[in-house]
């Protein structure tokens, strides 16, 4: 399965797309239902392109898509907090049937306007909102929102720095990795810094790491402040530093 970031990226890549005559679109051709309103086909293609079909589905008819989310227990009414990656369904007349669909691009508080990317809409309020000419960013008020389908996206796995070896620390390194390590030690309540941490390895880092080793149950020479692989892996220092 894919992530919410991948879904948003797929939708963003379509911004500025314009349909041909009579709803002739890439999305309709892909779905096998060209020359028809294509808002939900666009959402479905973005899902397929981003590895999210299993959690978003493949639809051309908005009411069926709503029912799919409801059957999965993933339907939320119009007034809730919107979450980035929600599939938002619209009812232009306020009725119970979905007329149009898009994807939420930013979190929004309960009742607040919702920012979206939508296919088969217009760039502004002057054109057709549910059968427009392209893919655009829009901001919608709650009065036209029917509700939200909330896909169970994959959460990206956190990436942690590999253990560089005890000898590396004993060479008094200067590195952003030392700063990242120190911040994790502080977050774990083991910081023994008067300033910092990092990027230069100092005695304060060793004392802080010794506190972490003791917190993990090590004693004596096993809590001497020089990092070892077991306690390093448990500390979960971010890799992207």
Protein backbone atom coordinates (compact mmCIF):
# COMPACT_ATOMS: atom_id res chain seq x y z
CA UNK A 1 0.00 0.00 0.00
CA UNK A 2 0.99 3.63 -0.39
CA UNK A 3 1.23 6.65 1.85
CA UNK A 4 -0.72 9.88 2.11
CA UNK A 5 2.33 11.77 0.80
CA UNK A 6 2.36 9.61 -2.32
CA UNK A 7 -1.37 10.24 -2.86
CA UNK A 8 -0.97 14.01 -2.51
CA UNK A 9 2.04 13.94 -4.85
CA UNK A 10 0.05 12.08 -7.51
CA UNK A 11 -2.76 14.62 -7.32
CA UNK A 12 -0.34 17.55 -7.34
CA UNK A 13 1.31 16.22 -10.50
CA UNK A 14 -2.04 16.62 -12.31
CA UNK A 15 -2.54 20.28 -11.39
CA UNK A 16 -3.21 22.33 -14.50
CA UNK A 17 -4.46 19.37 -16.50
CA UNK A 18 -7.22 20.37 -18.96
CA UNK A 19 -9.78 18.07 -20.51
CA UNK A 20 -10.48 17.78 -24.22
CA UNK A 21 -13.88 18.16 -25.85
CA UNK A 22 -16.85 16.40 -24.27
CA UNK A 23 -14.97 15.17 -21.20
CA UNK A 24 -12.21 13.54 -23.21
CA UNK A 25 -9.57 12.85 -20.53
CA UNK A 26 -6.59 10.74 -19.61
CA UNK A 27 -8.53 9.66 -16.53
CA UNK A 28 -11.54 8.45 -18.52
CA UNK A 29 -9.34 6.53 -20.92
CA UNK A 30 -7.50 4.91 -18.03
CA UNK A 31 -10.74 3.93 -16.29
CA UNK A 32 -12.42 2.74 -19.48
CA UNK A 33 -15.27 5.25 -19.29
CA UNK A 34 -14.11 8.19 -21.37
CA UNK A 35 -16.35 11.14 -22.28
CA UNK A 36 -18.02 11.07 -18.85
CA UNK A 37 -17.67 13.25 -15.74
CA UNK A 38 -14.32 12.27 -14.35
CA UNK A 39 -13.78 13.66 -10.84
CA UNK A 40 -13.87 10.24 -9.17
CA UNK A 41 -11.92 8.63 -11.97
CA UNK A 42 -9.18 11.18 -11.27
CA UNK A 43 -9.14 10.29 -7.56
CA UNK A 44 -9.05 6.60 -8.48
CA UNK A 45 -6.14 7.08 -10.87
CA UNK A 46 -4.18 9.09 -8.29
CA UNK A 47 -4.77 6.21 -5.89
CA UNK A 48 -3.54 3.67 -8.43
CA UNK A 49 -0.50 5.75 -9.37
CA UNK A 50 0.49 6.14 -5.70
CA UNK A 51 -0.08 2.54 -4.62
CA UNK A 52 -3.25 3.42 -2.69
CA UNK A 53 -5.97 1.59 -4.63
CA UNK A 54 -6.50 -0.89 -1.81
CA UNK A 55 -7.38 1.88 0.66
CA UNK A 56 -9.16 4.30 -1.70
CA UNK A 57 -10.83 2.05 -4.24
CA UNK A 58 -11.59 2.46 -7.92
CA UNK A 59 -14.77 4.35 -8.73
CA UNK A 60 -16.40 6.59 -11.31
CA UNK A 61 -19.65 7.20 -9.41
CA UNK A 62 -19.38 9.25 -6.24
CA UNK A 63 -22.38 7.77 -4.34
CA UNK A 64 -20.93 4.28 -4.75
CA UNK A 65 -17.61 5.53 -3.44
CA UNK A 66 -19.32 7.05 -0.39
CA UNK A 67 -21.03 3.73 0.31
CA UNK A 68 -17.69 1.93 0.04
CA UNK A 69 -16.18 4.11 2.77
CA UNK A 70 -19.28 3.72 4.91
CA UNK A 71 -19.11 -0.07 4.63
CA UNK A 72 -15.52 0.05 5.86
CA UNK A 73 -16.36 2.27 8.84
CA UNK A 74 -14.28 5.10 7.36
CA UNK A 75 -16.98 7.70 6.75
CA UNK A 76 -17.06 11.03 8.63
CA UNK A 77 -19.64 13.81 8.45
CA UNK A 78 -19.05 17.29 7.12
CA UNK A 79 -18.43 19.00 10.48
CA UNK A 80 -15.46 16.92 11.70
CA UNK A 81 -11.81 17.93 11.58
CA UNK A 82 -10.56 17.19 8.08
CA UNK A 83 -7.28 15.36 7.70
CA UNK A 84 -4.71 15.61 4.95
CA UNK A 85 -5.41 12.80 2.49
CA UNK A 86 -9.12 12.52 3.25
CA UNK A 87 -11.31 11.90 0.21
CA UNK A 88 -13.87 14.70 0.39
CA UNK A 89 -17.31 14.38 -1.19
CA UNK A 90 -19.52 17.33 -2.10
CA UNK A 91 -23.25 17.89 -2.40
CA UNK A 92 -23.91 21.20 -4.12
CA UNK A 93 -27.56 21.38 -3.01
CA UNK A 94 -26.91 20.12 0.52
CA UNK A 95 -28.74 16.86 -0.13
CA UNK A 96 -27.71 13.33 0.85
CA UNK A 97 -26.21 12.33 -2.53
CA UNK A 98 -22.60 13.05 -3.47
CA UNK A 99 -22.16 15.12 -6.64
CA UNK A 100 -18.38 15.55 -6.73
CA UNK A 101 -15.14 14.45 -5.04
CA UNK A 102 -11.59 15.60 -4.38
CA UNK A 103 -8.71 15.09 -1.98
CA UNK A 104 -7.93 17.16 1.14
CA UNK A 105 -4.43 18.64 1.02
CA UNK A 106 -4.19 20.16 4.53
CA UNK A 107 -5.60 19.41 7.96
CA UNK A 108 -8.57 21.62 8.85
CA UNK A 109 -10.25 22.23 12.21
CA UNK A 110 -13.89 21.21 12.71
CA UNK A 111 -16.12 23.51 10.67
CA UNK A 112 -13.20 25.30 8.97
CA UNK A 113 -12.84 25.67 5.21
CA UNK A 114 -11.11 22.75 3.49
CA UNK A 115 -8.28 22.98 0.95
CA UNK A 116 -8.44 20.43 -1.83
CA UNK A 117 -7.23 19.23 -5.19
CA UNK A 118 -10.13 18.28 -7.48
CA UNK A 119 -10.51 17.02 -11.01
CA UNK A 120 -13.38 18.00 -13.33
CA UNK A 121 -13.89 21.34 -11.64
CA UNK A 122 -13.24 24.99 -12.48
CA UNK A 123 -10.47 27.29 -11.41
CA UNK A 124 -12.92 29.62 -9.68
CA UNK A 125 -16.53 29.99 -8.63
CA UNK A 126 -17.62 31.32 -12.04
CA UNK A 127 -17.46 27.96 -13.80
CA UNK A 128 -19.06 24.60 -13.12
CA UNK A 129 -17.90 23.20 -9.81
CA UNK A 130 -18.69 19.57 -10.55
CA UNK A 131 -18.20 19.41 -14.31
CA UNK A 132 -15.46 21.87 -15.07
CA UNK A 133 -12.48 21.73 -17.38
CA UNK A 134 -9.48 20.64 -15.35
CA UNK A 135 -7.59 19.83 -12.16
CA UNK A 136 -7.31 22.69 -9.68
CA UNK A 137 -6.62 23.57 -6.08
CA UNK A 138 -9.79 24.78 -4.38
CA UNK A 139 -10.92 25.99 -0.96
CA UNK A 140 -14.40 24.79 0.01
CA UNK A 141 -16.79 25.81 2.76
CA UNK A 142 -18.58 23.18 4.82
CA UNK A 143 -21.99 23.99 3.39
CA UNK A 144 -21.17 22.15 0.15
CA UNK A 145 -19.33 19.24 1.79
CA UNK A 146 -21.23 15.99 2.29
CA UNK A 147 -18.49 14.23 4.25
CA UNK A 148 -15.11 12.57 4.19
CA UNK A 149 -13.79 9.10 3.46
CA UNK A 150 -10.68 8.50 5.54
CA UNK A 151 -8.35 5.93 3.94
CA UNK A 152 -6.14 3.74 6.11
CA UNK A 153 -2.89 4.91 4.52
CA UNK A 154 0.39 3.23 5.31
CA UNK A 155 2.49 5.16 7.77
CA UNK A 156 6.04 5.64 6.50
CA UNK A 157 8.50 3.72 8.60
CA UNK A 158 10.79 6.00 10.62
CA UNK A 159 14.41 5.85 9.59
CA UNK A 160 17.05 5.63 12.26
CA UNK A 161 20.79 6.14 12.09
CA UNK A 162 22.94 3.04 11.99
CA UNK A 163 25.36 2.53 14.85
CA UNK A 164 28.75 3.96 13.76
CA UNK A 165 30.78 1.86 16.22
CA UNK A 166 32.12 2.64 19.68
CA UNK A 167 35.55 3.51 18.28
CA UNK A 168 34.00 6.33 16.24
CA UNK A 169 32.88 8.10 19.40
CA UNK A 170 36.27 7.66 21.05
CA UNK A 171 37.85 9.69 18.24
CA UNK A 172 35.96 12.79 19.56
CA UNK A 173 33.91 13.25 16.39
CA UNK A 174 32.23 16.44 15.32
CA UNK A 175 29.04 15.60 13.43
CA UNK A 176 25.33 16.45 13.13
CA UNK A 177 24.80 12.88 14.33
CA UNK A 178 26.11 13.88 17.77
CA UNK A 179 23.55 16.69 17.90
CA UNK A 180 20.74 14.32 16.92
CA UNK A 181 21.88 11.79 19.52
CA UNK A 182 22.02 14.46 22.20
CA UNK A 183 18.52 15.65 21.41
CA UNK A 184 17.22 12.11 21.76
CA UNK A 185 19.03 11.75 25.10
CA UNK A 186 17.41 14.96 26.33
CA UNK A 187 14.01 13.74 25.12
CA UNK A 188 14.55 10.55 27.16
CA UNK A 189 15.33 12.57 30.30
CA UNK A 190 19.01 11.67 30.21
CA UNK A 191 20.52 14.99 29.18
CA UNK A 192 23.45 16.13 31.27
CA UNK A 193 24.25 19.20 29.21
CA UNK A 194 24.94 22.72 30.45
CA UNK A 195 24.75 23.86 26.81
CA UNK A 196 24.15 22.12 23.53
CA UNK A 197 23.92 19.27 22.69
CA UNK A 198 26.46 18.83 19.87
CA UNK A 199 27.75 18.78 17.25
CA UNK A 200 31.10 18.13 19.01
CA UNK A 201 31.33 14.98 21.16
CA UNK A 202 32.18 16.05 24.72
CA UNK A 203 32.25 14.67 28.22
CA UNK A 204 28.66 15.93 28.59
CA UNK A 205 27.64 13.56 25.80
CA UNK A 206 29.35 10.66 27.56
CA UNK A 207 27.64 11.48 30.88
CA UNK A 208 24.30 11.78 29.11
CA UNK A 209 24.78 8.49 27.32
CA UNK A 210 25.80 6.83 30.60
CA UNK A 211 22.49 8.02 32.08
CA UNK A 212 20.71 6.41 29.11
CA UNK A 213 22.61 3.15 29.63
CA UNK A 214 21.60 3.12 33.29
CA UNK A 215 18.01 3.83 32.30
CA UNK A 216 18.18 0.75 30.08
CA UNK A 217 19.34 -1.35 33.05
CA UNK A 218 23.09 -1.43 32.47
CA UNK A 219 25.55 -0.97 35.33
CA UNK A 220 29.29 -0.79 35.96
CA UNK A 221 31.51 -0.79 32.89
CA UNK A 222 28.43 -1.44 30.75
CA UNK A 223 27.26 2.07 31.69
CA UNK A 224 30.51 3.91 31.01
CA UNK A 225 28.96 6.36 28.53
CA UNK A 226 30.53 4.92 25.39
CA UNK A 227 27.70 3.98 23.03
CA UNK A 228 27.11 0.35 22.16
CA UNK A 229 24.85 -1.08 19.49
CA UNK A 230 22.10 -2.33 21.82
CA UNK A 231 21.52 1.00 23.55
CA UNK A 232 22.07 2.93 20.30
CA UNK A 233 19.37 1.00 18.47
CA UNK A 234 17.03 1.52 21.41
CA UNK A 235 17.67 5.29 21.36
CA UNK A 236 16.33 5.59 17.78
CA UNK A 237 18.44 8.50 16.59
CA UNK A 238 16.94 9.96 13.37
CA UNK A 239 18.87 9.13 10.22
CA UNK A 240 18.03 12.32 8.32
CA UNK A 241 20.39 14.74 10.00
